[in-house]
Amino acid sequence: MKCISAKIVIFIFSLVCTFFITSHSQSENFFVEAKQKFDQKKYEDSKFLFQRNIVFNPKDAESYLYLAKIYKNEENEKEEIKNLNTTLLLDPTNEEAMYLMINYELKKSNYAKVKDLKESFLLICKKLCKEVDQIEKSLADIEPKNGS
């Protein structure tokens, strides 16, 4: 009897392990395929795949970042900002998301928010540090009295 119970436990454990391994590799495939579709400018296809990837991996900041880029392209500001905020919540050091958020706030002439984001950006930038001069110039063009 113990032998049968042990075999059942091993069988169930094997099934659970197989499920998790398959799920993880499937989510990896969704991201890779979504990124390829994004690079080919097939935004609807890539959006669906990034969303599917998030179902399997809800803490994947990169998927949210790419969704933000897609929504920016679609001029859907609400979804763009929601996905940028999620990216930064999951990965506060994502300099590309921070840079996109700064540009959004610059477009809205939100002086105070841009100034705060710029300070954070300076602490995390590695690849996009050269953009600080452009941010400074744009910030100088915004009247401080217009900040909200």
N, C-alpha and C. Protein backbone atom coordinates (compact mmCIF):
# COMPACT_ATOMS: atom_id res chain seq x y z
N MET A 1 0.81 -1.19 0.00
CA MET A 1 0.00 0.00 0.00
C MET A 1 0.86 1.26 0.00
N LYS A 2 1.92 1.28 0.83
CA LYS A 2 2.82 2.43 0.87
C LYS A 2 3.50 2.63 -0.47
N CYS A 3 3.81 1.56 -1.16
CA CYS A 3 4.48 1.63 -2.46
C CYS A 3 3.59 2.32 -3.48
N ILE A 4 2.29 1.99 -3.46
CA ILE A 4 1.35 2.61 -4.39
C ILE A 4 1.19 4.09 -4.07
N SER A 5 1.08 4.45 -2.80
CA SER A 5 0.96 5.85 -2.39
C SER A 5 2.19 6.64 -2.79
N ALA A 6 3.36 6.07 -2.63
CA ALA A 6 4.60 6.75 -3.01
C ALA A 6 4.65 6.96 -4.52
N LYS A 7 4.19 5.98 -5.30
CA LYS A 7 4.17 6.11 -6.76
C LYS A 7 3.20 7.20 -7.19
N ILE A 8 2.05 7.27 -6.52
CA ILE A 8 1.07 8.31 -6.84
C ILE A 8 1.64 9.69 -6.53
N VAL A 9 2.29 9.84 -5.38
CA VAL A 9 2.90 11.12 -5.00
C VAL A 9 3.97 11.51 -6.01
N ILE A 10 4.80 10.58 -6.40
CA ILE A 10 5.86 10.85 -7.38
C ILE A 10 5.24 11.24 -8.72
N PHE A 11 4.20 10.54 -9.11
CA PHE A 11 3.52 10.84 -10.38
C PHE A 11 2.94 12.26 -10.35
N ILE A 12 2.24 12.61 -9.28
CA ILE A 12 1.64 13.94 -9.16
C ILE A 12 2.73 15.01 -9.13
N PHE A 13 3.80 14.76 -8.40
CA PHE A 13 4.92 15.70 -8.35
C PHE A 13 5.51 15.91 -9.74
N SER A 14 5.66 14.82 -10.49
CA SER A 14 6.19 14.91 -11.85
C SER A 14 5.29 15.74 -12.74
N LEU A 15 3.98 15.55 -12.61
CA LEU A 15 3.04 16.34 -13.40
C LEU A 15 3.13 17.83 -13.07
N VAL A 16 3.19 18.15 -11.80
CA VAL A 16 3.28 19.55 -11.37
C VAL A 16 4.57 20.18 -11.89
N CYS A 17 5.68 19.47 -11.77
CA CYS A 17 6.96 19.99 -12.26
C CYS A 17 6.92 20.22 -13.77
N THR A 18 6.37 19.27 -14.48
CA THR A 18 6.25 19.39 -15.94
C THR A 18 5.40 20.60 -16.30
N PHE A 19 4.31 20.80 -15.58
CA PHE A 19 3.44 21.94 -15.84
C PHE A 19 4.19 23.26 -15.67
N PHE A 20 4.92 23.39 -14.56
CA PHE A 20 5.63 24.64 -14.29
C PHE A 20 6.76 24.88 -15.28
N ILE A 21 7.46 23.85 -15.65
CA ILE A 21 8.55 23.99 -16.63
C ILE A 21 7.97 24.39 -17.98
N THR A 22 6.89 23.74 -18.38
CA THR A 22 6.26 24.06 -19.65
C THR A 22 5.70 25.48 -19.64
N SER A 23 5.07 25.88 -18.55
CA SER A 23 4.50 27.22 -18.44
C SER A 23 5.59 28.28 -18.55
N HIS A 24 6.71 28.05 -17.86
CA HIS A 24 7.80 29.02 -17.90
C HIS A 24 8.38 29.13 -19.30
N SER A 25 8.64 28.01 -19.95
CA SER A 25 9.22 28.07 -21.29
C SER A 25 8.23 28.66 -22.28
N GLN A 26 6.93 28.43 -22.06
CA GLN A 26 5.91 29.00 -22.92
C GLN A 26 5.90 30.51 -22.79
N SER A 27 6.00 31.02 -21.56
CA SER A 27 5.99 32.48 -21.37
C SER A 27 7.24 33.10 -21.99
N GLU A 28 8.37 32.42 -21.91
CA GLU A 28 9.59 32.92 -22.56
C GLU A 28 9.36 33.03 -24.07
N ASN A 29 8.70 32.04 -24.63
CA ASN A 29 8.43 32.06 -26.07
C ASN A 29 7.49 33.20 -26.44
N PHE A 30 6.51 33.50 -25.57
CA PHE A 30 5.60 34.60 -25.85
C PHE A 30 6.37 35.91 -25.91
N PHE A 31 7.29 36.15 -24.98
CA PHE A 31 8.04 37.40 -24.99
C PHE A 31 8.91 37.50 -26.23
N VAL A 32 9.63 36.45 -26.54
CA VAL A 32 10.54 36.47 -27.70
C VAL A 32 9.74 36.72 -28.97
N GLU A 33 8.65 36.00 -29.12
CA GLU A 33 7.83 36.17 -30.31
C GLU A 33 7.19 37.56 -30.35
N ALA A 34 6.74 38.05 -29.20
CA ALA A 34 6.15 39.39 -29.13
C ALA A 34 7.17 40.45 -29.52
N LYS A 35 8.39 40.30 -29.05
CA LYS A 35 9.46 41.26 -29.37
C LYS A 35 9.76 41.24 -30.88
N GLN A 36 9.76 40.05 -31.46
CA GLN A 36 9.98 39.95 -32.91
C GLN A 36 8.88 40.66 -33.68
N LYS A 37 7.64 40.44 -33.26
CA LYS A 37 6.50 41.10 -33.93
C LYS A 37 6.59 42.62 -33.74
N PHE A 38 6.99 43.06 -32.56
CA PHE A 38 7.15 44.48 -32.30
C PHE A 38 8.22 45.08 -33.23
N ASP A 39 9.34 44.39 -33.34
CA ASP A 39 10.42 44.87 -34.22
C ASP A 39 9.99 44.92 -35.68
N GLN A 40 9.04 44.06 -36.05
CA GLN A 40 8.51 44.06 -37.42
C GLN A 40 7.36 45.05 -37.58
N LYS A 41 7.09 45.81 -36.52
CA LYS A 41 6.01 46.80 -36.49
C LYS A 41 4.62 46.17 -36.64
N LYS A 42 4.50 44.92 -36.21
CA LYS A 42 3.20 44.23 -36.18
C LYS A 42 2.66 44.40 -34.76
N TYR A 43 2.19 45.62 -34.49
CA TYR A 43 1.86 46.01 -33.13
C TYR A 43 0.66 45.26 -32.54
N GLU A 44 -0.36 45.00 -33.31
CA GLU A 44 -1.52 44.28 -32.77
C GLU A 44 -1.13 42.86 -32.36
N ASP A 45 -0.35 42.19 -33.20
CA ASP A 45 0.09 40.83 -32.87
C ASP A 45 0.99 40.85 -31.64
N SER A 46 1.91 41.81 -31.60
CA SER A 46 2.84 41.86 -30.47
C SER A 46 2.10 42.23 -29.19
N LYS A 47 1.11 43.13 -29.28
CA LYS A 47 0.35 43.51 -28.09
C LYS A 47 -0.33 42.28 -27.49
N PHE A 48 -0.95 41.49 -28.33
CA PHE A 48 -1.62 40.27 -27.85
C PHE A 48 -0.62 39.34 -27.17
N LEU A 49 0.56 39.17 -27.76
CA LEU A 49 1.56 38.26 -27.19
C LEU A 49 2.17 38.81 -25.90
N PHE A 50 2.40 40.12 -25.82
CA PHE A 50 2.89 40.70 -24.57
C PHE A 50 1.86 40.53 -23.46
N GLN A 51 0.59 40.74 -23.79
CA GLN A 51 -0.46 40.56 -22.80
C GLN A 51 -0.54 39.10 -22.36
N ARG A 52 -0.35 38.21 -23.29
CA ARG A 52 -0.36 36.78 -22.95
C ARG A 52 0.83 36.42 -22.07
N ASN A 53 1.97 37.02 -22.38
CA ASN A 53 3.16 36.80 -21.56
C ASN A 53 2.93 37.26 -20.12
N ILE A 54 2.23 38.36 -19.97
CA ILE A 54 1.94 38.89 -18.64
C ILE A 54 1.05 37.93 -17.85
N VAL A 55 0.17 37.21 -18.54
CA VAL A 55 -0.67 36.22 -17.85
C VAL A 55 0.22 35.17 -17.18
N PHE A 56 1.27 34.74 -17.88
CA PHE A 56 2.17 33.73 -17.33
C PHE A 56 3.22 34.32 -16.40
N ASN A 57 3.56 35.58 -16.62
CA ASN A 57 4.61 36.21 -15.84
C ASN A 57 4.19 37.65 -15.52
N PRO A 58 3.30 37.83 -14.54
CA PRO A 58 2.74 39.17 -14.28
C PRO A 58 3.74 40.20 -13.77
N LYS A 59 4.94 39.79 -13.42
CA LYS A 59 5.95 40.73 -12.94
C LYS A 59 7.02 41.01 -13.98
N ASP A 60 6.72 40.77 -15.25
CA ASP A 60 7.68 41.01 -16.32
C ASP A 60 7.61 42.47 -16.76
N ALA A 61 8.47 43.28 -16.20
CA ALA A 61 8.47 44.72 -16.48
C ALA A 61 8.68 45.03 -17.96
N GLU A 62 9.47 44.23 -18.64
CA GLU A 62 9.74 44.49 -20.06
C GLU A 62 8.48 44.37 -20.91
N SER A 63 7.61 43.43 -20.58
CA SER A 63 6.35 43.31 -21.34
C SER A 63 5.49 44.56 -21.17
N TYR A 64 5.43 45.07 -19.96
CA TYR A 64 4.68 46.30 -19.72
C TYR A 64 5.31 47.49 -20.46
N LEU A 65 6.63 47.53 -20.50
CA LEU A 65 7.31 48.62 -21.22
C LEU A 65 6.95 48.58 -22.71
N TYR A 66 6.99 47.39 -23.30
CA TYR A 66 6.65 47.29 -24.72
C TYR A 66 5.18 47.61 -24.97
N LEU A 67 4.32 47.21 -24.05
CA LEU A 67 2.91 47.60 -24.19
C LEU A 67 2.77 49.11 -24.15
N ALA A 68 3.52 49.76 -23.27
CA ALA A 68 3.48 51.23 -23.22
C ALA A 68 3.91 51.83 -24.56
N LYS A 69 4.94 51.27 -25.16
CA LYS A 69 5.40 51.77 -26.46
C LYS A 69 4.34 51.57 -27.54
N ILE A 70 3.66 50.43 -27.49
CA ILE A 70 2.59 50.16 -28.46
C ILE A 70 1.46 51.16 -28.27
N TYR A 71 1.06 51.37 -27.02
CA TYR A 71 -0.03 52.33 -26.77
C TYR A 71 0.38 53.75 -27.12
N LYS A 72 1.65 54.07 -26.95
CA LYS A 72 2.13 55.40 -27.38
C LYS A 72 1.96 55.53 -28.89
N ASN A 73 2.32 54.50 -29.61
CA ASN A 73 2.18 54.48 -31.06
C ASN A 73 0.71 54.61 -31.47
N GLU A 74 -0.18 54.01 -30.68
CA GLU A 74 -1.62 54.09 -30.95
C GLU A 74 -2.24 55.38 -30.42
N GLU A 75 -1.43 56.21 -29.77
CA GLU A 75 -1.87 57.46 -29.16
C GLU A 75 -2.95 57.24 -28.10
N ASN A 76 -2.77 56.16 -27.35
CA ASN A 76 -3.66 55.84 -26.23
C ASN A 76 -2.90 56.18 -24.95
N GLU A 77 -2.95 57.46 -24.55
CA GLU A 77 -2.17 57.95 -23.42
C GLU A 77 -2.50 57.25 -22.12
N LYS A 78 -3.77 56.99 -21.88
CA LYS A 78 -4.18 56.37 -20.62
C LYS A 78 -3.48 55.01 -20.44
N GLU A 79 -3.52 54.17 -21.47
CA GLU A 79 -2.90 52.85 -21.39
C GLU A 79 -1.37 52.95 -21.41
N GLU A 80 -0.86 53.92 -22.16
CA GLU A 80 0.59 54.13 -22.19
C GLU A 80 1.11 54.43 -20.79
N ILE A 81 0.49 55.38 -20.11
CA ILE A 81 0.94 55.79 -18.78
C ILE A 81 0.71 54.68 -17.76
N LYS A 82 -0.40 53.99 -17.87
CA LYS A 82 -0.68 52.88 -16.95
C LYS A 82 0.44 51.82 -17.06
N ASN A 83 0.86 51.51 -18.28
CA ASN A 83 1.90 50.50 -18.47
C ASN A 83 3.28 51.03 -18.08
N LEU A 84 3.54 52.31 -18.30
CA LEU A 84 4.81 52.89 -17.84
C LEU A 84 4.88 52.87 -16.32
N ASN A 85 3.78 53.23 -15.68
CA ASN A 85 3.75 53.20 -14.22
C ASN A 85 3.96 51.79 -13.68
N THR A 86 3.36 50.81 -14.33
CA THR A 86 3.54 49.42 -13.91
C THR A 86 4.98 48.99 -14.10
N THR A 87 5.58 49.38 -15.23
CA THR A 87 6.98 49.06 -15.48
C THR A 87 7.85 49.62 -14.36
N LEU A 88 7.64 50.89 -14.02
CA LEU A 88 8.46 51.53 -12.99
C LEU A 88 8.16 51.00 -11.59
N LEU A 89 6.95 50.54 -11.38
CA LEU A 89 6.63 49.92 -10.10
C LEU A 89 7.39 48.60 -9.94
N LEU A 90 7.42 47.81 -11.01
CA LEU A 90 8.11 46.52 -10.98
C LEU A 90 9.62 46.67 -11.07
N ASP A 91 10.07 47.69 -11.80
CA ASP A 91 11.51 47.90 -12.00
C ASP A 91 11.81 49.39 -11.96
N PRO A 92 11.98 49.95 -10.77
CA PRO A 92 12.21 51.39 -10.63
C PRO A 92 13.49 51.87 -11.31
N THR A 93 14.37 50.97 -11.69
CA THR A 93 15.62 51.37 -12.35
C THR A 93 15.54 51.22 -13.87
N ASN A 94 14.35 51.07 -14.41
CA ASN A 94 14.21 50.94 -15.87
C ASN A 94 14.32 52.33 -16.48
N GLU A 95 15.51 52.62 -16.99
CA GLU A 95 15.76 53.99 -17.46
C GLU A 95 14.95 54.34 -18.71
N GLU A 96 14.67 53.37 -19.54
CA GLU A 96 13.88 53.66 -20.74
C GLU A 96 12.45 54.06 -20.35
N ALA A 97 11.86 53.34 -19.41
CA ALA A 97 10.52 53.70 -18.93
C ALA A 97 10.54 55.08 -18.28
N MET A 98 11.56 55.34 -17.49
CA MET A 98 11.69 56.65 -16.83
C MET A 98 11.80 57.76 -17.88
N TYR A 99 12.61 57.52 -18.91
CA TYR A 99 12.80 58.51 -19.97
C TYR A 99 11.48 58.76 -20.72
N LEU A 100 10.75 57.69 -21.01
CA LEU A 100 9.45 57.86 -21.69
C LEU A 100 8.47 58.63 -20.81
N MET A 101 8.50 58.37 -19.52
CA MET A 101 7.63 59.09 -18.58
C MET A 101 8.01 60.57 -18.53
N ILE A 102 9.30 60.86 -18.53
CA ILE A 102 9.75 62.26 -18.55
C ILE A 102 9.25 62.96 -19.79
N ASN A 103 9.38 62.31 -20.94
CA ASN A 103 8.92 62.91 -22.19
C ASN A 103 7.41 63.16 -22.17
N TYR A 104 6.67 62.23 -21.59
CA TYR A 104 5.22 62.42 -21.47
C TYR A 104 4.91 63.64 -20.61
N GLU A 105 5.59 63.74 -19.47
CA GLU A 105 5.35 64.87 -18.56
C GLU A 105 5.82 66.19 -19.18
N LEU A 106 6.88 66.15 -19.98
CA LEU A 106 7.32 67.36 -20.69
C LEU A 106 6.23 67.82 -21.66
N LYS A 107 5.65 66.85 -22.36
CA LYS A 107 4.58 67.17 -23.31
C LYS A 107 3.40 67.82 -22.59
N LYS A 108 3.17 67.42 -21.34
CA LYS A 108 2.08 67.98 -20.54
C LYS A 108 2.51 69.26 -19.81
N SER A 109 3.76 69.67 -19.99
CA SER A 109 4.32 70.86 -19.33
C SER A 109 4.22 70.77 -17.82
N ASN A 110 4.43 69.61 -17.29
CA ASN A 110 4.35 69.38 -15.85
C ASN A 110 5.75 69.55 -15.25
N TYR A 111 6.10 70.80 -14.96
CA TYR A 111 7.43 71.18 -14.51
C TYR A 111 7.89 70.40 -13.27
N ALA A 112 7.07 70.39 -12.25
CA ALA A 112 7.46 69.75 -10.98
C ALA A 112 7.70 68.26 -11.16
N LYS A 113 6.83 67.60 -11.89
CA LYS A 113 6.97 66.16 -12.10
C LYS A 113 8.22 65.85 -12.92
N VAL A 114 8.48 66.64 -13.95
CA VAL A 114 9.68 66.42 -14.78
C VAL A 114 10.93 66.60 -13.95
N LYS A 115 10.93 67.62 -13.11
CA LYS A 115 12.09 67.89 -12.27
C LYS A 115 12.35 66.71 -11.32
N ASP A 116 11.31 66.18 -10.70
CA ASP A 116 11.45 65.01 -9.81
C ASP A 116 11.93 63.79 -10.58
N LEU A 117 11.31 63.54 -11.72
CA LEU A 117 11.70 62.38 -12.53
C LEU A 117 13.14 62.49 -13.02
N LYS A 118 13.55 63.72 -13.36
CA LYS A 118 14.92 63.93 -13.84
C LYS A 118 15.93 63.57 -12.77
N GLU A 119 15.64 63.95 -11.54
CA GLU A 119 16.54 63.62 -10.43
C GLU A 119 16.67 62.10 -10.26
N SER A 120 15.57 61.40 -10.35
CA SER A 120 15.59 59.93 -10.27
C SER A 120 16.32 59.35 -11.47
N PHE A 121 16.08 59.93 -12.63
CA PHE A 121 16.71 59.46 -13.86
C PHE A 121 18.23 59.57 -13.78
N LEU A 122 18.71 60.66 -13.21
CA LEU A 122 20.16 60.85 -13.07
C LEU A 122 20.80 59.75 -12.23
N LEU A 123 20.06 59.22 -11.27
CA LEU A 123 20.58 58.17 -10.40
C LEU A 123 20.64 56.81 -11.08
N ILE A 124 19.78 56.58 -12.09
CA ILE A 124 19.70 55.25 -12.68
C ILE A 124 20.24 55.17 -14.10
N CYS A 125 20.46 56.30 -14.76
CA CYS A 125 20.81 56.24 -16.18
C CYS A 125 22.18 55.59 -16.41
N LYS A 126 22.22 54.79 -17.44
CA LYS A 126 23.46 54.14 -17.88
C LYS A 126 23.62 54.33 -19.38
N LYS A 127 22.59 53.94 -20.12
CA LYS A 127 22.64 54.03 -21.59
C LYS A 127 22.10 55.36 -22.10
N LEU A 128 21.15 55.93 -21.40
CA LEU A 128 20.48 57.14 -21.89
C LEU A 128 20.94 58.42 -21.21
N CYS A 129 22.07 58.39 -20.54
CA CYS A 129 22.55 59.58 -19.82
C CYS A 129 22.76 60.78 -20.74
N LYS A 130 23.07 60.52 -21.98
CA LYS A 130 23.27 61.64 -22.92
C LYS A 130 21.99 62.44 -23.15
N GLU A 131 20.85 61.87 -22.78
CA GLU A 131 19.57 62.54 -22.96
C GLU A 131 19.30 63.60 -21.87
N VAL A 132 20.12 63.62 -20.85
CA VAL A 132 19.92 64.56 -19.74
C VAL A 132 19.99 66.00 -20.25
N ASP A 133 20.91 66.29 -21.16
CA ASP A 133 21.03 67.65 -21.70
C ASP A 133 19.73 68.07 -22.40
N GLN A 134 19.15 67.15 -23.17
CA GLN A 134 17.90 67.44 -23.86
C GLN A 134 16.77 67.66 -22.85
N ILE A 135 16.76 66.88 -21.79
CA ILE A 135 15.76 67.04 -20.74
C ILE A 135 15.93 68.40 -20.07
N GLU A 136 17.19 68.76 -19.76
CA GLU A 136 17.48 70.06 -19.14
C GLU A 136 17.01 71.21 -20.02
N LYS A 137 17.27 71.10 -21.32
CA LYS A 137 16.86 72.15 -22.25
C LYS A 137 15.34 72.27 -22.29
N SER A 138 14.67 71.13 -22.37
CA SER A 138 13.21 71.14 -22.39
C SER A 138 12.65 71.66 -21.08
N LEU A 139 13.28 71.30 -20.00
CA LEU A 139 12.84 71.75 -18.67
C LEU A 139 13.00 73.27 -18.55
N ALA A 140 14.07 73.81 -19.13
CA ALA A 140 14.29 75.26 -19.08
C ALA A 140 13.23 76.00 -19.89
N ASP A 141 12.67 75.33 -20.90
CA ASP A 141 11.64 75.96 -21.74
C ASP A 141 10.27 76.01 -21.07
N ILE A 142 10.11 75.23 -20.00
CA ILE A 142 8.83 75.20 -19.29
C ILE A 142 8.89 76.23 -18.16
N GLU A 143 7.90 77.04 -18.09
CA GLU A 143 7.82 78.03 -17.02
C GLU A 143 7.52 77.32 -15.70
N PRO A 144 8.32 77.54 -14.64
CA PRO A 144 8.03 76.92 -13.34
C PRO A 144 6.63 77.20 -12.82
N LYS A 145 6.07 78.35 -13.17
CA LYS A 145 4.74 78.68 -12.68
C LYS A 145 3.66 77.78 -13.29
N ASN A 146 4.00 77.05 -14.40
CA ASN A 146 3.03 76.15 -15.03
C ASN A 146 3.08 74.76 -14.42
N GLY A 147 4.05 74.48 -13.56
CA GLY A 147 4.14 73.13 -12.96
C GLY A 147 2.92 72.85 -12.09
N SER A 148 2.56 71.56 -12.05
CA SER A 148 1.41 71.21 -11.21
C SER A 148 1.80 70.19 -10.20
